[in-house]
Amino acid sequence: MGSAVLGSIVADANARSTLVKVGAVRNSDSNRFYQRHGFSKIDEAQWDRSR
């Protein structure tokens, strides 16, 4: 289901020539999901660091 929803969002963004950015907590499964769908890690934020 997640793949279908993300695919729809990306297709809509492409039709509008709009960039899609996503955020995920470091080392979460969602990072692998987004990478499988063509996204790349570009940054890490301070709030995402483990204590």
PDB file of N, CA and C in Angstrom:
ATOM      1  N   MET A   1       0.823  -1.180   0.000  1.00  0.00           N
ATOM      2  CA  MET A   1       0.000   0.000   0.000  1.00  0.00           C
ATOM      3  C   MET A   1       0.879   1.260   0.000  1.00  0.00           C
ATOM      4  N   GLY A   2       1.919   1.242   0.800  1.00  0.00           N
ATOM      5  CA  GLY A   2       2.809   2.398   0.860  1.00  0.00           C
ATOM      6  C   GLY A   2       3.441   2.711  -0.485  1.00  0.00           C
ATOM      7  N   SER A   3       3.809   1.673  -1.210  1.00  0.00           N
ATOM      8  CA  SER A   3       4.407   1.864  -2.537  1.00  0.00           C
ATOM      9  C   SER A   3       3.411   2.518  -3.488  1.00  0.00           C
ATOM     10  N   ALA A   4       2.157   2.102  -3.415  1.00  0.00           N
ATOM     11  CA  ALA A   4       1.129   2.675  -4.284  1.00  0.00           C
ATOM     12  C   ALA A   4       0.891   4.150  -3.959  1.00  0.00           C
ATOM     13  N   VAL A   5       0.825   4.471  -2.681  1.00  0.00           N
ATOM     14  CA  VAL A   5       0.605   5.862  -2.265  1.00  0.00           C
ATOM     15  C   VAL A   5       1.788   6.729  -2.676  1.00  0.00           C
ATOM     16  N   LEU A   6       3.002   6.263  -2.388  1.00  0.00           N
ATOM     17  CA  LEU A   6       4.186   7.032  -2.754  1.00  0.00           C
ATOM     18  C   LEU A   6       4.282   7.190  -4.267  1.00  0.00           C
ATOM     19  N   GLY A   7       3.976   6.136  -4.998  1.00  0.00           N
ATOM     20  CA  GLY A   7       3.996   6.211  -6.459  1.00  0.00           C
ATOM     21  C   GLY A   7       3.037   7.260  -6.981  1.00  0.00           C
ATOM     22  N   SER A   8       1.871   7.339  -6.391  1.00  0.00           N
ATOM     23  CA  SER A   8       0.879   8.336  -6.792  1.00  0.00           C
ATOM     24  C   SER A   8       1.372   9.752  -6.497  1.00  0.00           C
ATOM     25  N   ILE A   9       1.977   9.935  -5.334  1.00  0.00           N
ATOM     26  CA  ILE A   9       2.504  11.248  -4.959  1.00  0.00           C
ATOM     27  C   ILE A   9       3.617  11.670  -5.910  1.00  0.00           C
ATOM     28  N   VAL A  10       4.527  10.751  -6.199  1.00  0.00           N
ATOM     29  CA  VAL A  10       5.646  11.056  -7.094  1.00  0.00           C
ATOM     30  C   VAL A  10       5.144  11.344  -8.505  1.00  0.00           C
ATOM     31  N   ALA A  11       4.185  10.568  -8.985  1.00  0.00           N
ATOM     32  CA  ALA A  11       3.640  10.797 -10.328  1.00  0.00           C
ATOM     33  C   ALA A  11       2.982  12.170 -10.418  1.00  0.00           C
ATOM     34  N   ASP A  12       2.235  12.532  -9.389  1.00  0.00           N
ATOM     35  CA  ASP A  12       1.590  13.852  -9.361  1.00  0.00           C
ATOM     36  C   ASP A  12       2.636  14.961  -9.325  1.00  0.00           C
ATOM     37  N   ALA A  13       3.669  14.779  -8.512  1.00  0.00           N
ATOM     38  CA  ALA A  13       4.732  15.783  -8.422  1.00  0.00           C
ATOM     39  C   ALA A  13       5.466  15.914  -9.753  1.00  0.00           C
ATOM     40  N   ASN A  14       5.728  14.796 -10.417  1.00  0.00           N
ATOM     41  CA  ASN A  14       6.399  14.839 -11.717  1.00  0.00           C
ATOM     42  C   ASN A  14       5.554  15.589 -12.739  1.00  0.00           C
ATOM     43  N   ALA A  15       4.242  15.352 -12.720  1.00  0.00           N
ATOM     44  CA  ALA A  15       3.344  16.034 -13.661  1.00  0.00           C
ATOM     45  C   ALA A  15       3.339  17.540 -13.423  1.00  0.00           C
ATOM     46  N   ARG A  16       3.613  17.927 -12.174  1.00  0.00           N
ATOM     47  CA  ARG A  16       3.631  19.355 -11.821  1.00  0.00           C
ATOM     48  C   ARG A  16       5.051  19.932 -11.795  1.00  0.00           C
ATOM     49  N   SER A  17       6.030  19.121 -12.158  1.00  0.00           N
ATOM     50  CA  SER A  17       7.445  19.512 -12.104  1.00  0.00           C
ATOM     51  C   SER A  17       7.822  20.005 -10.708  1.00  0.00           C
ATOM     52  N   THR A  18       7.376  19.248  -9.717  1.00  0.00           N
ATOM     53  CA  THR A  18       7.611  19.597  -8.316  1.00  0.00           C
ATOM     54  C   THR A  18       8.526  18.562  -7.674  1.00  0.00           C
ATOM     55  N   LEU A  19       9.433  19.019  -6.837  1.00  0.00           N
ATOM     56  CA  LEU A  19      10.358  18.149  -6.117  1.00  0.00           C
ATOM     57  C   LEU A  19       9.647  17.509  -4.927  1.00  0.00           C
ATOM     58  N   VAL A  20       9.915  16.235  -4.700  1.00  0.00           N
ATOM     59  CA  VAL A  20       9.381  15.537  -3.528  1.00  0.00           C
ATOM     60  C   VAL A  20      10.531  15.275  -2.572  1.00  0.00           C
ATOM     61  N   LYS A  21      10.376  15.700  -1.320  1.00  0.00           N
ATOM     62  CA  LYS A  21      11.345  15.420  -0.269  1.00  0.00           C
ATOM     63  C   LYS A  21      10.635  14.677   0.840  1.00  0.00           C
ATOM     64  N   VAL A  22      11.328  13.737   1.454  1.00  0.00           N
ATOM     65  CA  VAL A  22      10.774  12.995   2.580  1.00  0.00           C
ATOM     66  C   VAL A  22      11.768  13.031   3.726  1.00  0.00           C
ATOM     67  N   GLY A  23      11.290  12.815   4.915  1.00  0.00           N
ATOM     68  CA  GLY A  23      12.146  12.759   6.089  1.00  0.00           C
ATOM     69  C   GLY A  23      11.856  11.490   6.869  1.00  0.00           C
ATOM     70  N   ALA A  24      12.882  10.914   7.454  1.00  0.00           N
ATOM     71  CA  ALA A  24      12.714   9.693   8.236  1.00  0.00           C
ATOM     72  C   ALA A  24      13.737   9.677   9.360  1.00  0.00           C
ATOM     73  N   VAL A  25      13.380   9.017  10.441  1.00  0.00           N
ATOM     74  CA  VAL A  25      14.283   8.883  11.576  1.00  0.00           C
ATOM     75  C   VAL A  25      15.452   7.978  11.187  1.00  0.00           C
ATOM     76  N   ARG A  26      16.625   8.352  11.605  1.00  0.00           N
ATOM     77  CA  ARG A  26      17.829   7.591  11.276  1.00  0.00           C
ATOM     78  C   ARG A  26      17.675   6.121  11.651  1.00  0.00           C
ATOM     79  N   ASN A  27      18.153   5.264  10.771  1.00  0.00           N
ATOM     80  CA  ASN A  27      18.170   3.812  10.959  1.00  0.00           C
ATOM     81  C   ASN A  27      16.783   3.173  11.023  1.00  0.00           C
ATOM     82  N   SER A  28      15.759   3.892  10.633  1.00  0.00           N
ATOM     83  CA  SER A  28      14.420   3.293  10.631  1.00  0.00           C
ATOM     84  C   SER A  28      14.188   2.546   9.321  1.00  0.00           C
ATOM     85  N   ASP A  29      13.235   1.638   9.337  1.00  0.00           N
ATOM     86  CA  ASP A  29      12.898   0.876   8.135  1.00  0.00           C
ATOM     87  C   ASP A  29      12.437   1.787   7.009  1.00  0.00           C
ATOM     88  N   SER A  30      11.873   2.937   7.355  1.00  0.00           N
ATOM     89  CA  SER A  30      11.369   3.846   6.321  1.00  0.00           C
ATOM     90  C   SER A  30      12.495   4.344   5.416  1.00  0.00           C
ATOM     91  N   ASN A  31      13.706   4.441   5.923  1.00  0.00           N
ATOM     92  CA  ASN A  31      14.831   4.861   5.081  1.00  0.00           C
ATOM     93  C   ASN A  31      15.051   3.879   3.938  1.00  0.00           C
ATOM     94  N   ARG A  32      15.026   2.601   4.236  1.00  0.00           N
ATOM     95  CA  ARG A  32      15.193   1.585   3.190  1.00  0.00           C
ATOM     96  C   ARG A  32      14.024   1.621   2.204  1.00  0.00           C
ATOM     97  N   PHE A  33      12.825   1.832   2.711  1.00  0.00           N
ATOM     98  CA  PHE A  33      11.653   1.937   1.843  1.00  0.00           C
ATOM     99  C   PHE A  33      11.829   3.074   0.842  1.00  0.00           C
ATOM    100  N   TYR A  34      12.208   4.250   1.326  1.00  0.00           N
ATOM    101  CA  TYR A  34      12.382   5.396   0.426  1.00  0.00           C
ATOM    102  C   TYR A  34      13.526   5.163  -0.558  1.00  0.00           C
ATOM    103  N   GLN A  35      14.609   4.558  -0.108  1.00  0.00           N
ATOM    104  CA  GLN A  35      15.726   4.284  -1.017  1.00  0.00           C
ATOM    105  C   GLN A  35      15.320   3.303  -2.109  1.00  0.00           C
ATOM    106  N   ARG A  36      14.505   2.313  -1.783  1.00  0.00           N
ATOM    107  CA  ARG A  36      14.017   1.365  -2.798  1.00  0.00           C
ATOM    108  C   ARG A  36      13.171   2.071  -3.855  1.00  0.00           C
ATOM    109  N   HIS A  37      12.634   3.214  -3.498  1.00  0.00           N
ATOM    110  CA  HIS A  37      11.778   3.962  -4.416  1.00  0.00           C
ATOM    111  C   HIS A  37      12.497   5.157  -5.038  1.00  0.00           C
ATOM    112  N   GLY A  38      13.834   5.125  -5.008  1.00  0.00           N
ATOM    113  CA  GLY A  38      14.613   6.108  -5.744  1.00  0.00           C
ATOM    114  C   GLY A  38      15.064   7.334  -4.980  1.00  0.00           C
ATOM    115  N   PHE A  39      14.742   7.419  -3.694  1.00  0.00           N
ATOM    116  CA  PHE A  39      15.178   8.572  -2.911  1.00  0.00           C
ATOM    117  C   PHE A  39      16.592   8.346  -2.401  1.00  0.00           C
ATOM    118  N   SER A  40      17.309   9.441  -2.149  1.00  0.00           N
ATOM    119  CA  SER A  40      18.672   9.361  -1.632  1.00  0.00           C
ATOM    120  C   SER A  40      18.798  10.199  -0.369  1.00  0.00           C
ATOM    121  N   LYS A  41      19.618   9.731   0.549  1.00  0.00           N
ATOM    122  CA  LYS A  41      19.892  10.489   1.768  1.00  0.00           C
ATOM    123  C   LYS A  41      20.740  11.696   1.393  1.00  0.00           C
ATOM    124  N   ILE A  42      20.300  12.883   1.816  1.00  0.00           N
ATOM    125  CA  ILE A  42      21.057  14.091   1.504  1.00  0.00           C
ATOM    126  C   ILE A  42      21.482  14.857   2.739  1.00  0.00           C
ATOM    127  N   ASP A  43      20.906  14.518   3.910  1.00  0.00           N
ATOM    128  CA  ASP A  43      21.221  15.297   5.100  1.00  0.00           C
ATOM    129  C   ASP A  43      20.806  14.521   6.349  1.00  0.00           C
ATOM    130  N   GLU A  44      21.407  14.896   7.476  1.00  0.00           N
ATOM    131  CA  GLU A  44      20.989  14.421   8.791  1.00  0.00           C
ATOM    132  C   GLU A  44      20.813  15.641   9.679  1.00  0.00           C
ATOM    133  N   ALA A  45      19.774  15.632  10.463  1.00  0.00           N
ATOM    134  CA  ALA A  45      19.510  16.766  11.336  1.00  0.00           C
ATOM    135  C   ALA A  45      19.942  16.459  12.772  1.00  0.00           C
ATOM    136  N   GLN A  46      20.240  17.480  13.513  1.00  0.00           N
ATOM    137  CA  GLN A  46      20.663  17.344  14.889  1.00  0.00           C
ATOM    138  C   GLN A  46      19.625  16.589  15.724  1.00  0.00           C
ATOM    139  N   TRP A  47      18.350  16.859  15.514  1.00  0.00           N
ATOM    140  CA  TRP A  47      17.304  16.236  16.330  1.00  0.00           C
ATOM    141  C   TRP A  47      17.193  14.742  16.108  1.00  0.00           C
ATOM    142  N   ASP A  48      17.834  14.236  15.088  1.00  0.00           N
ATOM    143  CA  ASP A  48      17.727  12.828  14.752  1.00  0.00           C
ATOM    144  C   ASP A  48      18.825  11.985  15.397  1.00  0.00           C
ATOM    145  N   ARG A  49      19.654  12.569  16.177  1.00  0.00           N
ATOM    146  CA  ARG A  49      20.778  11.830  16.772  1.00  0.00           C
ATOM    147  C   ARG A  49      20.338  11.085  18.018  1.00  0.00           C
ATOM    148  N   SER A  50      20.784   9.850  18.138  1.00  0.00           N
ATOM    149  CA  SER A  50      20.475   9.052  19.330  1.00  0.00           C
ATOM    150  C   SER A  50      21.225   9.604  20.526  1.00  0.00           C
ATOM    151  N   ARG A  51      20.630   9.447  21.664  1.00  0.00           N
ATOM    152  CA  ARG A  51      21.276   9.970  22.892  1.00  0.00           C
ATOM    153  C   ARG A  51      21.981   8.876  23.618  1.00  0.00           C
TER     154      ARG A  51
END
